[in-house]
Amino acid sequence: MKNINFNSSAKEYIEKLKYSLNKIPLDKVQILYDDIINIWQNRKQVFIFGNGGSGGNSIHLANDFIYGVTKKFGNAIKINSLNSNQSVITCIANDEGYDNIFYGQIAVLANEGDLAIALSGSGNSPNIIKALNYCNSNKIKTHAILGFDGGMANKLVNNSIHIDIDDMQISEDLQLIIGHMIMQKIYNENNSVHQRG
């Protein structure tokens, strides 16, 4: 195996990440932020989901929005990562097919006026598309954070945060970075209100 200088490789990754950060459509992130605030104020729910590393990111961000946005219990965002319950995921995948693992949960848990966030590199995963189609047919607002060319999800969701980068790991980094941007903004606003009050 050819020995490649790590620093050179790391710098290349950093430069690619910097390039991608500058391509984040902040106006689209603002729309997601506003919708999450609206969900919070109206005590509705957020559903977040993805495959592989994106699925791990959905669990991470659910943690941030349940606890990280405020340290006051009972005053955070009602958010569910559809990647969290392995019993449900494996049951649905085994009995009904993997394409149904997100749709099957949303069909039971979600209500009109809730919000769905899909995390995907390609935007083409059948289980992502099926869940988004269900949401669109049932008045559940849809958002997605996407890489590559955005795929089918790019045209399907109400608000697409699409960064055209041909790199799965960078795409996954950006999912967390965008989530953390929103989480910190909510935390700072909420903390500021408590301090003034």
C-alpha atoms as a PDB file:
ATOM      1  CA  MET A   1       0.000   0.000   0.000  1.00  0.00           C
ATOM      2  CA  LYS A   2       1.372   3.364  -1.033  1.00  0.00           C
ATOM      3  CA  ASN A   3       2.329   5.631   1.875  1.00  0.00           C
ATOM      4  CA  ILE A   4       0.555   8.985   1.496  1.00  0.00           C
ATOM      5  CA  ASN A   5       1.621  11.925   3.644  1.00  0.00           C
ATOM      6  CA  PHE A   6      -1.181  12.413   6.176  1.00  0.00           C
ATOM      7  CA  ASN A   7      -0.758  16.177   6.484  1.00  0.00           C
ATOM      8  CA  SER A   8      -1.199  16.603   2.752  1.00  0.00           C
ATOM      9  CA  SER A   9      -4.354  14.493   2.780  1.00  0.00           C
ATOM     10  CA  ALA A  10      -5.724  16.292   5.850  1.00  0.00           C
ATOM     11  CA  LYS A  11      -5.120  19.724   4.321  1.00  0.00           C
ATOM     12  CA  GLU A  12      -6.909  18.631   1.165  1.00  0.00           C
ATOM     13  CA  TYR A  13      -9.903  17.551   3.264  1.00  0.00           C
ATOM     14  CA  ILE A  14      -9.875  20.831   5.191  1.00  0.00           C
ATOM     15  CA  GLU A  15      -9.815  22.842   1.967  1.00  0.00           C
ATOM     16  CA  LYS A  16     -12.709  20.833   0.566  1.00  0.00           C
ATOM     17  CA  LEU A  17     -14.667  21.406   3.776  1.00  0.00           C
ATOM     18  CA  LYS A  18     -13.942  25.156   3.666  1.00  0.00           C
ATOM     19  CA  TYR A  19     -15.118  25.269   0.053  1.00  0.00           C
ATOM     20  CA  SER A  20     -18.304  23.429   0.990  1.00  0.00           C
ATOM     21  CA  LEU A  21     -19.017  25.638   4.007  1.00  0.00           C
ATOM     22  CA  ASN A  22     -19.009  28.664   1.722  1.00  0.00           C
ATOM     23  CA  LYS A  23     -21.641  26.971  -0.454  1.00  0.00           C
ATOM     24  CA  ILE A  24     -24.193  26.483   2.356  1.00  0.00           C
ATOM     25  CA  PRO A  25     -27.406  28.279   1.295  1.00  0.00           C
ATOM     26  CA  LEU A  26     -27.966  30.251   4.490  1.00  0.00           C
ATOM     27  CA  ASP A  27     -31.344  31.525   3.291  1.00  0.00           C
ATOM     28  CA  LYS A  28     -32.537  27.906   3.188  1.00  0.00           C
ATOM     29  CA  VAL A  29     -31.048  27.239   6.646  1.00  0.00           C
ATOM     30  CA  GLN A  30     -32.997  30.286   7.876  1.00  0.00           C
ATOM     31  CA  ILE A  31     -36.219  28.699   6.597  1.00  0.00           C
ATOM     32  CA  LEU A  32     -35.465  25.507   8.533  1.00  0.00           C
ATOM     33  CA  TYR A  33     -34.616  27.534  11.638  1.00  0.00           C
ATOM     34  CA  ASP A  34     -37.882  29.495  11.389  1.00  0.00           C
ATOM     35  CA  ASP A  35     -39.906  26.307  10.930  1.00  0.00           C
ATOM     36  CA  ILE A  36     -38.254  24.653  13.941  1.00  0.00           C
ATOM     37  CA  ILE A  37     -39.038  27.724  16.060  1.00  0.00           C
ATOM     38  CA  ASN A  38     -42.641  27.568  14.861  1.00  0.00           C
ATOM     39  CA  ILE A  39     -42.799  23.861  15.729  1.00  0.00           C
ATOM     40  CA  TRP A  40     -41.400  24.600  19.189  1.00  0.00           C
ATOM     41  CA  GLN A  41     -43.863  27.405  19.873  1.00  0.00           C
ATOM     42  CA  ASN A  42     -46.829  25.313  18.741  1.00  0.00           C
ATOM     43  CA  ARG A  43     -45.694  22.157  20.571  1.00  0.00           C
ATOM     44  CA  LYS A  44     -45.602  20.131  17.362  1.00  0.00           C
ATOM     45  CA  GLN A  45     -43.010  17.436  16.561  1.00  0.00           C
ATOM     46  CA  VAL A  46     -39.912  17.116  14.404  1.00  0.00           C
ATOM     47  CA  PHE A  47     -38.914  13.817  12.792  1.00  0.00           C
ATOM     48  CA  ILE A  48     -35.332  13.450  11.573  1.00  0.00           C
ATOM     49  CA  PHE A  49     -33.867  10.464   9.730  1.00  0.00           C
ATOM     50  CA  GLY A  50     -31.180   9.173   7.387  1.00  0.00           C
ATOM     51  CA  ASN A  51     -29.152   6.115   6.419  1.00  0.00           C
ATOM     52  CA  GLY A  52     -25.692   5.103   7.665  1.00  0.00           C
ATOM     53  CA  GLY A  53     -23.686   8.061   8.923  1.00  0.00           C
ATOM     54  CA  SER A  54     -26.645  10.337   8.216  1.00  0.00           C
ATOM     55  CA  GLY A  55     -28.705   8.129  10.522  1.00  0.00           C
ATOM     56  CA  GLY A  56     -26.074   8.572  13.228  1.00  0.00           C
ATOM     57  CA  ASN A  57     -26.253  12.319  12.659  1.00  0.00           C
ATOM     58  CA  SER A  58     -30.030  12.233  13.099  1.00  0.00           C
ATOM     59  CA  ILE A  59     -29.578  10.697  16.560  1.00  0.00           C
ATOM     60  CA  HIS A  60     -26.880  13.251  17.426  1.00  0.00           C
ATOM     61  CA  LEU A  61     -29.039  16.206  16.381  1.00  0.00           C
ATOM     62  CA  ALA A  62     -32.105  14.847  18.180  1.00  0.00           C
ATOM     63  CA  ASN A  63     -29.999  14.876  21.347  1.00  0.00           C
ATOM     64  CA  ASP A  64     -28.990  18.483  20.703  1.00  0.00           C
ATOM     65  CA  PHE A  65     -32.567  19.659  20.190  1.00  0.00           C
ATOM     66  CA  ILE A  66     -34.036  17.737  23.134  1.00  0.00           C
ATOM     67  CA  TYR A  67     -31.394  18.890  25.614  1.00  0.00           C
ATOM     68  CA  GLY A  68     -28.802  21.165  24.031  1.00  0.00           C
ATOM     69  CA  VAL A  69     -31.134  24.014  23.030  1.00  0.00           C
ATOM     70  CA  THR A  70     -32.110  24.658  26.629  1.00  0.00           C
ATOM     71  CA  LYS A  71     -31.082  23.211  29.958  1.00  0.00           C
ATOM     72  CA  LYS A  72     -34.619  23.618  31.322  1.00  0.00           C
ATOM     73  CA  PHE A  73     -36.377  20.245  31.230  1.00  0.00           C
ATOM     74  CA  GLY A  74     -39.770  20.316  29.549  1.00  0.00           C
ATOM     75  CA  ASN A  75     -38.897  23.385  27.479  1.00  0.00           C
ATOM     76  CA  ALA A  76     -37.080  21.870  24.500  1.00  0.00           C
ATOM     77  CA  ILE A  77     -38.111  20.728  21.028  1.00  0.00           C
ATOM     78  CA  LYS A  78     -40.167  17.582  20.540  1.00  0.00           C
ATOM     79  CA  ILE A  79     -37.880  15.743  18.137  1.00  0.00           C
ATOM     80  CA  ASN A  80     -37.703  12.069  17.232  1.00  0.00           C
ATOM     81  CA  SER A  81     -34.841  10.398  15.413  1.00  0.00           C
ATOM     82  CA  LEU A  82     -36.393   7.606  13.389  1.00  0.00           C
ATOM     83  CA  ASN A  83     -33.026   5.834  13.596  1.00  0.00           C
ATOM     84  CA  SER A  84     -33.197   5.407  17.366  1.00  0.00           C
ATOM     85  CA  ASN A  85     -35.422   2.369  17.926  1.00  0.00           C
ATOM     86  CA  GLN A  86     -33.585  -0.659  16.563  1.00  0.00           C
ATOM     87  CA  SER A  87     -36.420  -3.029  17.464  1.00  0.00           C
ATOM     88  CA  VAL A  88     -38.870  -1.068  15.333  1.00  0.00           C
ATOM     89  CA  ILE A  89     -36.385  -0.604  12.467  1.00  0.00           C
ATOM     90  CA  THR A  90     -35.446  -4.283  12.253  1.00  0.00           C
ATOM     91  CA  CYS A  91     -39.051  -5.416  12.666  1.00  0.00           C
ATOM     92  CA  ILE A  92     -40.319  -3.196   9.842  1.00  0.00           C
ATOM     93  CA  ALA A  93     -37.320  -4.022   7.635  1.00  0.00           C
ATOM     94  CA  ASN A  94     -37.797  -7.751   8.183  1.00  0.00           C
ATOM     95  CA  ASP A  95     -41.571  -7.854   7.822  1.00  0.00           C
ATOM     96  CA  GLU A  96     -42.289  -5.047   5.344  1.00  0.00           C
ATOM     97  CA  GLY A  97     -38.983  -4.246   3.662  1.00  0.00           C
ATOM     98  CA  TYR A  98     -36.209  -1.750   4.334  1.00  0.00           C
ATOM     99  CA  ASP A  99     -37.878   0.880   2.157  1.00  0.00           C
ATOM    100  CA  ASN A 100     -40.577   1.220   4.844  1.00  0.00           C
ATOM    101  CA  ILE A 101     -38.449   1.799   7.965  1.00  0.00           C
ATOM    102  CA  PHE A 102     -39.060   5.569   8.097  1.00  0.00           C
ATOM    103  CA  TYR A 103     -42.461   5.728   6.438  1.00  0.00           C
ATOM    104  CA  GLY A 104     -43.786   3.035   8.788  1.00  0.00           C
ATOM    105  CA  GLN A 105     -42.836   5.066  11.858  1.00  0.00           C
ATOM    106  CA  ILE A 106     -43.993   8.450  10.565  1.00  0.00           C
ATOM    107  CA  ALA A 107     -47.363   6.985   9.558  1.00  0.00           C
ATOM    108  CA  VAL A 108     -47.944   6.075  13.222  1.00  0.00           C
ATOM    109  CA  LEU A 109     -46.240   8.944  15.065  1.00  0.00           C
ATOM    110  CA  ALA A 110     -46.685  12.081  12.958  1.00  0.00           C
ATOM    111  CA  ASN A 111     -49.608  14.476  12.753  1.00  0.00           C
ATOM    112  CA  GLU A 112     -50.611  17.253  10.405  1.00  0.00           C
ATOM    113  CA  GLY A 113     -48.464  20.319  11.078  1.00  0.00           C
ATOM    114  CA  ASP A 114     -45.392  18.352  12.184  1.00  0.00           C
ATOM    115  CA  LEU A 115     -42.017  18.682  10.441  1.00  0.00           C
ATOM    116  CA  ALA A 116     -39.715  16.109   8.808  1.00  0.00           C
ATOM    117  CA  ILE A 117     -35.985  16.525   8.151  1.00  0.00           C
ATOM    118  CA  ALA A 118     -34.256  14.049   5.844  1.00  0.00           C
ATOM    119  CA  LEU A 119     -30.469  13.781   5.958  1.00  0.00           C
ATOM    120  CA  SER A 120     -29.019  12.258   2.805  1.00  0.00           C
ATOM    121  CA  GLY A 121     -25.941  12.392   0.646  1.00  0.00           C
ATOM    122  CA  SER A 122     -27.505  11.304  -2.638  1.00  0.00           C
ATOM    123  CA  GLY A 123     -31.121  12.260  -1.952  1.00  0.00           C
ATOM    124  CA  ASN A 124     -32.195   9.080  -3.754  1.00  0.00           C
ATOM    125  CA  SER A 125     -32.560   6.435  -1.031  1.00  0.00           C
ATOM    126  CA  PRO A 126     -35.948   4.715  -1.512  1.00  0.00           C
ATOM    127  CA  ASN A 127     -36.750   4.750   2.215  1.00  0.00           C
ATOM    128  CA  ILE A 128     -36.084   8.514   2.356  1.00  0.00           C
ATOM    129  CA  ILE A 129     -38.226   9.195  -0.718  1.00  0.00           C
ATOM    130  CA  LYS A 130     -41.112   7.049   0.538  1.00  0.00           C
ATOM    131  CA  ALA A 131     -41.166   8.858   3.886  1.00  0.00           C
ATOM    132  CA  LEU A 132     -41.055  12.280   2.225  1.00  0.00           C
ATOM    133  CA  ASN A 133     -43.884  11.377  -0.137  1.00  0.00           C
ATOM    134  CA  TYR A 134     -46.009  10.328   2.811  1.00  0.00           C
ATOM    135  CA  CYS A 135     -45.247  13.593   4.610  1.00  0.00           C
ATOM    136  CA  ASN A 136     -46.113  15.699   1.575  1.00  0.00           C
ATOM    137  CA  SER A 137     -49.454  13.880   1.245  1.00  0.00           C
ATOM    138  CA  ASN A 138     -50.285  14.381   4.918  1.00  0.00           C
ATOM    139  CA  LYS A 139     -49.459  18.066   5.486  1.00  0.00           C
ATOM    140  CA  ILE A 140     -46.169  17.399   7.262  1.00  0.00           C
ATOM    141  CA  LYS A 141     -43.641  20.026   6.159  1.00  0.00           C
ATOM    142  CA  THR A 142     -40.513  18.528   4.607  1.00  0.00           C
ATOM    143  CA  HIS A 143     -36.887  19.663   4.715  1.00  0.00           C
ATOM    144  CA  ALA A 144     -33.710  17.935   3.594  1.00  0.00           C
ATOM    145  CA  ILE A 145     -29.961  18.494   3.940  1.00  0.00           C
ATOM    146  CA  LEU A 146     -28.417  17.021   0.808  1.00  0.00           C
ATOM    147  CA  GLY A 147     -25.100  16.551  -0.982  1.00  0.00           C
ATOM    148  CA  PHE A 148     -24.046  15.488  -4.492  1.00  0.00           C
ATOM    149  CA  ASP A 149     -26.707  16.624  -7.020  1.00  0.00           C
ATOM    150  CA  GLY A 150     -29.488  16.463  -4.423  1.00  0.00           C
ATOM    151  CA  GLY A 151     -31.249  13.575  -6.134  1.00  0.00           C
ATOM    152  CA  MET A 152     -35.008  13.112  -6.073  1.00  0.00           C
ATOM    153  CA  ALA A 153     -35.326  14.610  -2.594  1.00  0.00           C
ATOM    154  CA  ASN A 154     -34.012  17.953  -3.854  1.00  0.00           C
ATOM    155  CA  LYS A 155     -37.210  18.474  -5.874  1.00  0.00           C
ATOM    156  CA  LEU A 156     -39.534  16.694  -3.472  1.00  0.00           C
ATOM    157  CA  VAL A 157     -39.144  18.638  -0.229  1.00  0.00           C
ATOM    158  CA  ASN A 158     -40.626  21.998   0.736  1.00  0.00           C
ATOM    159  CA  ASN A 159     -37.151  23.295   1.589  1.00  0.00           C
ATOM    160  CA  SER A 160     -33.927  21.787   0.261  1.00  0.00           C
ATOM    161  CA  ILE A 161     -30.609  22.718   1.859  1.00  0.00           C
ATOM    162  CA  HIS A 162     -28.473  21.387  -0.960  1.00  0.00           C
ATOM    163  CA  ILE A 163     -24.684  21.662  -1.051  1.00  0.00           C
ATOM    164  CA  ASP A 164     -23.364  20.353  -4.354  1.00  0.00           C
ATOM    165  CA  ILE A 165     -20.313  18.424  -3.131  1.00  0.00           C
ATOM    166  CA  ASP A 166     -19.260  15.032  -4.468  1.00  0.00           C
ATOM    167  CA  ASP A 167     -18.052  13.643  -1.136  1.00  0.00           C
ATOM    168  CA  MET A 168     -20.122  11.619   1.332  1.00  0.00           C
ATOM    169  CA  GLN A 169     -18.032  12.421   4.395  1.00  0.00           C
ATOM    170  CA  ILE A 170     -18.145  16.167   3.716  1.00  0.00           C
ATOM    171  CA  SER A 171     -21.896  15.864   3.167  1.00  0.00           C
ATOM    172  CA  GLU A 172     -22.239  14.222   6.576  1.00  0.00           C
ATOM    173  CA  ASP A 173     -20.044  16.886   8.190  1.00  0.00           C
ATOM    174  CA  LEU A 174     -22.315  19.571   6.759  1.00  0.00           C
ATOM    175  CA  GLN A 175     -25.440  17.921   8.166  1.00  0.00           C
ATOM    176  CA  LEU A 176     -24.043  18.287  11.678  1.00  0.00           C
ATOM    177  CA  ILE A 177     -22.649  21.762  11.078  1.00  0.00           C
ATOM    178  CA  ILE A 178     -26.005  23.056   9.829  1.00  0.00           C
ATOM    179  CA  GLY A 179     -27.792  21.373  12.733  1.00  0.00           C
ATOM    180  CA  HIS A 180     -25.332  22.896  15.180  1.00  0.00           C
ATOM    181  CA  MET A 181     -25.760  26.359  13.635  1.00  0.00           C
ATOM    182  CA  ILE A 182     -29.483  26.150  14.327  1.00  0.00           C
ATOM    183  CA  MET A 183     -29.045  24.566  17.764  1.00  0.00           C
ATOM    184  CA  GLN A 184     -26.636  27.284  18.946  1.00  0.00           C
ATOM    185  CA  LYS A 185     -28.867  30.062  17.621  1.00  0.00           C
ATOM    186  CA  ILE A 186     -31.859  28.632  19.490  1.00  0.00           C
ATOM    187  CA  TYR A 187     -29.805  28.145  22.647  1.00  0.00           C
ATOM    188  CA  ASN A 188     -28.414  31.684  22.542  1.00  0.00           C
ATOM    189  CA  GLU A 189     -31.853  33.210  21.929  1.00  0.00           C
ATOM    190  CA  ASN A 190     -33.433  31.135  24.690  1.00  0.00           C
ATOM    191  CA  ASN A 191     -30.630  31.819  27.159  1.00  0.00           C
ATOM    192  CA  SER A 192     -30.795  35.531  26.364  1.00  0.00           C
ATOM    193  CA  VAL A 193     -34.552  35.566  27.072  1.00  0.00           C
ATOM    194  CA  HIS A 194     -34.025  33.839  30.430  1.00  0.00           C
ATOM    195  CA  GLN A 195     -31.262  36.257  31.369  1.00  0.00           C
ATOM    196  CA  ARG A 196     -33.414  39.283  30.518  1.00  0.00           C
ATOM    197  CA  GLY A 197     -36.424  37.793  32.309  1.00  0.00           C
END
